[in-house]
PDB file of N, CA and C in Angstrom:
ATOM      1  N   UNK A   1      19.621  11.574  62.828  1.00  0.00           N
ATOM      2  CA  UNK A   1      20.820  10.829  62.535  1.00  0.00           C
ATOM      3  C   UNK A   1      20.529   9.619  61.747  1.00  0.00           C
ATOM      4  N   UNK A   2      19.403   8.853  62.019  1.00  0.00           N
ATOM      5  CA  UNK A   2      19.034   7.696  61.295  1.00  0.00           C
ATOM      6  C   UNK A   2      18.721   8.093  59.809  1.00  0.00           C
ATOM      7  N   UNK A   3      18.063   9.330  59.611  1.00  0.00           N
ATOM      8  CA  UNK A   3      17.841   9.761  58.218  1.00  0.00           C
ATOM      9  C   UNK A   3      19.044   9.872  57.509  1.00  0.00           C
ATOM     10  N   UNK A   4      19.929  10.592  58.112  1.00  0.00           N
ATOM     11  CA  UNK A   4      21.219  10.923  57.321  1.00  0.00           C
ATOM     12  C   UNK A   4      21.903   9.613  56.999  1.00  0.00           C
ATOM     13  N   UNK A   5      21.989   8.721  57.951  1.00  0.00           N
ATOM     14  CA  UNK A   5      22.516   7.355  57.558  1.00  0.00           C
ATOM     15  C   UNK A   5      21.872   6.551  56.537  1.00  0.00           C
ATOM     16  N   UNK A   6      20.401   6.737  56.600  1.00  0.00           N
ATOM     17  CA  UNK A   6      19.639   5.938  55.527  1.00  0.00           C
ATOM     18  C   UNK A   6      19.897   6.622  54.197  1.00  0.00           C
ATOM     19  N   UNK A   7      20.025   7.916  54.040  1.00  0.00           N
ATOM     20  CA  UNK A   7      20.150   8.544  52.759  1.00  0.00           C
ATOM     21  C   UNK A   7      21.505   8.191  52.211  1.00  0.00           C
ATOM     22  N   UNK A   8      22.546   8.194  53.104  1.00  0.00           N
ATOM     23  CA  UNK A   8      23.920   7.946  52.650  1.00  0.00           C
ATOM     24  C   UNK A   8      24.146   6.512  52.135  1.00  0.00           C
ATOM     25  N   UNK A   9      23.464   5.699  52.929  1.00  0.00           N
ATOM     26  CA  UNK A   9      23.425   4.239  52.556  1.00  0.00           C
ATOM     27  C   UNK A   9      22.770   3.950  51.199  1.00  0.00           C
ATOM     28  N   UNK A  10      21.558   4.614  51.071  1.00  0.00           N
ATOM     29  CA  UNK A  10      20.833   4.505  49.821  1.00  0.00           C
ATOM     30  C   UNK A  10      21.684   4.974  48.731  1.00  0.00           C
ATOM     31  N   UNK A  11      22.321   6.000  48.789  1.00  0.00           N
ATOM     32  CA  UNK A  11      23.113   6.504  47.688  1.00  0.00           C
ATOM     33  C   UNK A  11      24.246   5.675  47.356  1.00  0.00           C
ATOM     34  N   UNK A  12      24.820   5.080  48.352  1.00  0.00           N
ATOM     35  CA  UNK A  12      25.982   4.137  48.200  1.00  0.00           C
ATOM     36  C   UNK A  12      25.516   2.860  47.560  1.00  0.00           C
ATOM     37  N   UNK A  13      24.265   2.444  47.860  1.00  0.00           N
ATOM     38  CA  UNK A  13      23.847   1.146  47.340  1.00  0.00           C
ATOM     39  C   UNK A  13      23.349   0.978  45.914  1.00  0.00           C
ATOM     40  N   UNK A  14      22.936   2.141  45.467  1.00  0.00           N
ATOM     41  CA  UNK A  14      22.420   2.245  44.034  1.00  0.00           C
ATOM     42  C   UNK A  14      23.338   2.775  43.083  1.00  0.00           C
ATOM     43  N   UNK A  15      23.818   2.128  42.039  1.00  0.00           N
ATOM     44  CA  UNK A  15      24.730   2.576  41.076  1.00  0.00           C
ATOM     45  C   UNK A  15      23.998   3.756  40.351  1.00  0.00           C
ATOM     46  N   UNK A  16      24.776   4.692  39.851  1.00  0.00           N
ATOM     47  CA  UNK A  16      24.328   5.865  39.346  1.00  0.00           C
ATOM     48  C   UNK A  16      23.651   5.683  37.840  1.00  0.00           C
ATOM     49  N   UNK A  17      24.065   4.596  37.178  1.00  0.00           N
ATOM     50  CA  UNK A  17      23.651   4.395  35.875  1.00  0.00           C
ATOM     51  C   UNK A  17      22.411   3.424  35.773  1.00  0.00           C
ATOM     52  N   UNK A  18      22.107   2.822  36.840  1.00  0.00           N
ATOM     53  CA  UNK A  18      20.915   1.960  36.824  1.00  0.00           C
ATOM     54  C   UNK A  18      19.686   2.548  37.284  1.00  0.00           C
ATOM     55  N   UNK A  19      18.710   2.390  36.556  1.00  0.00           N
ATOM     56  CA  UNK A  19      17.319   2.967  36.873  1.00  0.00           C
ATOM     57  C   UNK A  19      16.459   1.941  37.487  1.00  0.00           C
ATOM     58  N   UNK A  20      16.023   2.152  38.581  1.00  0.00           N
ATOM     59  CA  UNK A  20      15.113   1.210  39.338  1.00  0.00           C
ATOM     60  C   UNK A  20      13.741   1.835  39.626  1.00  0.00           C
ATOM     61  N   UNK A  21      12.729   1.108  39.714  1.00  0.00           N
ATOM     62  CA  UNK A  21      11.498   1.538  40.135  1.00  0.00           C
ATOM     63  C   UNK A  21      11.457   2.007  41.560  1.00  0.00           C
ATOM     64  N   UNK A  22      10.463   2.804  41.857  1.00  0.00           N
ATOM     65  CA  UNK A  22      10.457   3.291  43.305  1.00  0.00           C
ATOM     66  C   UNK A  22      10.204   2.219  44.294  1.00  0.00           C
ATOM     67  N   UNK A  23       9.402   1.176  43.924  1.00  0.00           N
ATOM     68  CA  UNK A  23       9.276   0.045  44.808  1.00  0.00           C
ATOM     69  C   UNK A  23      10.573  -0.691  45.068  1.00  0.00           C
ATOM     70  N   UNK A  24      11.393  -0.968  44.023  1.00  0.00           N
ATOM     71  CA  UNK A  24      12.745  -1.558  44.176  1.00  0.00           C
ATOM     72  C   UNK A  24      13.648  -0.716  44.971  1.00  0.00           C
ATOM     73  N   UNK A  25      13.621   0.608  44.772  1.00  0.00           N
ATOM     74  CA  UNK A  25      14.541   1.523  45.666  1.00  0.00           C
ATOM     75  C   UNK A  25      14.178   1.401  47.089  1.00  0.00           C
ATOM     76  N   UNK A  26      12.812   1.356  47.304  1.00  0.00           N
ATOM     77  CA  UNK A  26      12.383   1.318  48.714  1.00  0.00           C
ATOM     78  C   UNK A  26      12.757  -0.006  49.336  1.00  0.00           C
ATOM     79  N   UNK A  27      12.638  -1.031  48.731  1.00  0.00           N
ATOM     80  CA  UNK A  27      12.909  -2.266  49.267  1.00  0.00           C
ATOM     81  C   UNK A  27      14.494  -2.431  49.429  1.00  0.00           C
ATOM     82  N   UNK A  28      15.246  -1.895  48.527  1.00  0.00           N
ATOM     83  CA  UNK A  28      16.773  -1.827  48.641  1.00  0.00           C
ATOM     84  C   UNK A  28      17.060  -1.093  49.838  1.00  0.00           C
ATOM     85  N   UNK A  29      16.465   0.100  50.088  1.00  0.00           N
ATOM     86  CA  UNK A  29      16.730   0.974  51.237  1.00  0.00           C
ATOM     87  C   UNK A  29      16.479   0.269  52.495  1.00  0.00           C
ATOM     88  N   UNK A  30      15.356  -0.440  52.580  1.00  0.00           N
ATOM     89  CA  UNK A  30      15.081  -1.299  53.746  1.00  0.00           C
ATOM     90  C   UNK A  30      16.072  -2.410  54.038  1.00  0.00           C
ATOM     91  N   UNK A  31      16.445  -3.096  53.011  1.00  0.00           N
ATOM     92  CA  UNK A  31      17.527  -4.131  53.119  1.00  0.00           C
ATOM     93  C   UNK A  31      18.866  -3.607  53.611  1.00  0.00           C
ATOM     94  N   UNK A  32      19.180  -2.480  53.063  1.00  0.00           N
ATOM     95  CA  UNK A  32      20.498  -1.833  53.459  1.00  0.00           C
ATOM     96  C   UNK A  32      20.431  -1.317  54.929  1.00  0.00           C
ATOM     97  N   UNK A  33      19.260  -0.797  55.369  1.00  0.00           N
ATOM     98  CA  UNK A  33      19.156  -0.329  56.725  1.00  0.00           C
ATOM     99  C   UNK A  33      19.070  -1.535  57.694  1.00  0.00           C
ATOM    100  N   UNK A  34      18.520  -2.577  57.238  1.00  0.00           N
ATOM    101  CA  UNK A  34      18.454  -3.899  57.944  1.00  0.00           C
ATOM    102  C   UNK A  34      19.929  -4.396  58.339  1.00  0.00           C
ATOM    103  N   UNK A  35      20.757  -4.398  57.132  1.00  0.00           N
ATOM    104  CA  UNK A  35      22.012  -4.909  57.234  1.00  0.00           C
ATOM    105  C   UNK A  35      23.007  -4.115  58.169  1.00  0.00           C
ATOM    106  N   UNK A  36      22.725  -2.825  58.063  1.00  0.00           N
ATOM    107  CA  UNK A  36      23.349  -1.977  58.962  1.00  0.00           C
ATOM    108  C   UNK A  36      22.906  -2.066  60.447  1.00  0.00           C
ATOM    109  N   UNK A  37      21.628  -2.328  60.746  1.00  0.00           N
ATOM    110  CA  UNK A  37      21.213  -2.529  61.956  1.00  0.00           C
ATOM    111  C   UNK A  37      21.809  -3.768  62.576  1.00  0.00           C
ATOM    112  N   UNK A  38      21.858  -4.860  61.884  1.00  0.00           N
ATOM    113  CA  UNK A  38      22.440  -6.096  62.426  1.00  0.00           C
ATOM    114  C   UNK A  38      23.894  -6.021  62.683  1.00  0.00           C
ATOM    115  N   UNK A  39      24.609  -5.180  61.979  1.00  0.00           N
ATOM    116  CA  UNK A  39      26.064  -5.016  62.214  1.00  0.00           C
ATOM    117  C   UNK A  39      26.255  -4.221  63.479  1.00  0.00           C
ATOM    118  N   UNK A  40      25.397  -3.391  63.872  1.00  0.00           N
ATOM    119  CA  UNK A  40      25.779  -2.595  65.032  1.00  0.00           C
ATOM    120  C   UNK A  40      25.120  -3.200  66.315  1.00  0.00           C
ATOM    121  N   UNK A  41      24.169  -4.100  66.181  1.00  0.00           N
ATOM    122  CA  UNK A  41      23.590  -4.679  67.351  1.00  0.00           C
ATOM    123  C   UNK A  41      24.347  -5.888  67.889  1.00  0.00           C
ATOM    124  N   UNK A  42      24.134  -6.223  69.294  1.00  0.00           N
ATOM    125  CA  UNK A  42      25.100  -7.223  69.863  1.00  0.00           C
ATOM    126  C   UNK A  42      24.133  -8.195  70.582  1.00  0.00           C
ATOM    127  N   UNK A  43      22.779  -7.940  70.699  1.00  0.00           N
ATOM    128  CA  UNK A  43      21.976  -8.762  71.612  1.00  0.00           C
ATOM    129  C   UNK A  43      20.862  -9.338  70.640  1.00  0.00           C
ATOM    130  N   UNK A  44      20.170 -10.367  71.190  1.00  0.00           N
ATOM    131  CA  UNK A  44      19.065 -11.010  70.493  1.00  0.00           C
ATOM    132  C   UNK A  44      17.970  -9.950  70.464  1.00  0.00           C
ATOM    133  N   UNK A  45      17.699  -9.263  71.509  1.00  0.00           N
ATOM    134  CA  UNK A  45      16.633  -8.259  71.521  1.00  0.00           C
ATOM    135  C   UNK A  45      16.871  -7.110  70.415  1.00  0.00           C
ATOM    136  N   UNK A  46      18.175  -6.745  70.290  1.00  0.00           N
ATOM    137  CA  UNK A  46      18.525  -5.938  69.173  1.00  0.00           C
ATOM    138  C   UNK A  46      18.240  -6.424  67.762  1.00  0.00           C
ATOM    139  N   UNK A  47      18.513  -7.632  67.536  1.00  0.00           N
ATOM    140  CA  UNK A  47      18.280  -8.234  66.168  1.00  0.00           C
ATOM    141  C   UNK A  47      16.801  -8.479  65.953  1.00  0.00           C
ATOM    142  N   UNK A  48      15.974  -8.663  67.025  1.00  0.00           N
ATOM    143  CA  UNK A  48      14.575  -8.652  66.871  1.00  0.00           C
ATOM    144  C   UNK A  48      14.044  -7.401  66.514  1.00  0.00           C
ATOM    145  N   UNK A  49      14.500  -6.298  67.140  1.00  0.00           N
ATOM    146  CA  UNK A  49      14.057  -4.928  66.782  1.00  0.00           C
ATOM    147  C   UNK A  49      14.512  -4.675  65.304  1.00  0.00           C
ATOM    148  N   UNK A  50      15.686  -5.092  64.852  1.00  0.00           N
ATOM    149  CA  UNK A  50      16.057  -4.816  63.517  1.00  0.00           C
ATOM    150  C   UNK A  50      15.059  -5.533  62.555  1.00  0.00           C
ATOM    151  N   UNK A  51      14.608  -6.736  62.882  1.00  0.00           N
ATOM    152  CA  UNK A  51      13.637  -7.401  62.049  1.00  0.00           C
ATOM    153  C   UNK A  51      12.382  -6.798  62.015  1.00  0.00           C
ATOM    154  N   UNK A  52      11.911  -6.237  63.136  1.00  0.00           N
ATOM    155  CA  UNK A  52      10.575  -5.546  63.217  1.00  0.00           C
ATOM    156  C   UNK A  52      10.715  -4.231  62.396  1.00  0.00           C
ATOM    157  N   UNK A  53      11.808  -3.500  62.470  1.00  0.00           N
ATOM    158  CA  UNK A  53      11.975  -2.243  61.710  1.00  0.00           C
ATOM    159  C   UNK A  53      11.901  -2.534  60.226  1.00  0.00           C
ATOM    160  N   UNK A  54      12.668  -3.578  59.813  1.00  0.00           N
ATOM    161  CA  UNK A  54      12.611  -4.024  58.377  1.00  0.00           C
ATOM    162  C   UNK A  54      11.102  -4.366  57.929  1.00  0.00           C
ATOM    163  N   UNK A  55      10.473  -5.124  58.782  1.00  0.00           N
ATOM    164  CA  UNK A  55       9.091  -5.353  58.353  1.00  0.00           C
ATOM    165  C   UNK A  55       8.325  -4.096  58.216  1.00  0.00           C
ATOM    166  N   UNK A  56       8.377  -3.220  59.135  1.00  0.00           N
ATOM    167  CA  UNK A  56       7.576  -2.047  59.054  1.00  0.00           C
ATOM    168  C   UNK A  56       8.045  -1.222  57.834  1.00  0.00           C
ATOM    169  N   UNK A  57       9.232  -1.166  57.536  1.00  0.00           N
ATOM    170  CA  UNK A  57       9.782  -0.364  56.394  1.00  0.00           C
ATOM    171  C   UNK A  57       9.213  -0.932  55.076  1.00  0.00           C
ATOM    172  N   UNK A  58       9.291  -2.352  54.891  1.00  0.00           N
ATOM    173  CA  UNK A  58       8.825  -3.004  53.671  1.00  0.00           C
ATOM    174  C   UNK A  58       7.255  -2.750  53.627  1.00  0.00           C
ATOM    175  N   UNK A  59       6.632  -2.769  54.766  1.00  0.00           N
ATOM    176  CA  UNK A  59       5.241  -2.455  54.705  1.00  0.00           C
ATOM    177  C   UNK A  59       4.859  -1.102  54.110  1.00  0.00           C
ATOM    178  N   UNK A  60       5.782  -0.189  54.140  1.00  0.00           N
ATOM    179  CA  UNK A  60       5.548   1.143  53.698  1.00  0.00           C
ATOM    180  C   UNK A  60       5.874   1.346  52.304  1.00  0.00           C
ATOM    181  N   UNK A  61       6.577   0.233  51.755  1.00  0.00           N
ATOM    182  CA  UNK A  61       6.808   0.334  50.264  1.00  0.00           C
ATOM    183  C   UNK A  61       5.583  -0.125  49.479  1.00  0.00           C
ATOM    184  N   UNK A  62       5.105   0.910  48.717  1.00  0.00           N
ATOM    185  CA  UNK A  62       3.839   0.572  47.992  1.00  0.00           C
ATOM    186  C   UNK A  62       4.027   0.966  46.595  1.00  0.00           C
ATOM    187  N   UNK A  63       3.719   0.163  45.653  1.00  0.00           N
ATOM    188  CA  UNK A  63       3.845   0.368  44.154  1.00  0.00           C
ATOM    189  C   UNK A  63       2.797   1.510  43.875  1.00  0.00           C
ATOM    190  N   UNK A  64       3.306   2.532  43.238  1.00  0.00           N
ATOM    191  CA  UNK A  64       2.403   3.520  42.930  1.00  0.00           C
ATOM    192  C   UNK A  64       2.240   3.768  41.443  1.00  0.00           C
TER     193      UNK A  64
END
């Protein structure tokens, strides 16, 4: 479910005519997922988990 949400958010976040590097796309995807996570959480613990997921996601973004 999260993968489907991530893919749909990624497609909605990036304009079709704009070409970005893989690193920029990865960081954008992480930011979009973080924003969505913050919108659906209601507790401090949930926000902390969103922050941890964003950190983990950005750590996986590597320039190739």
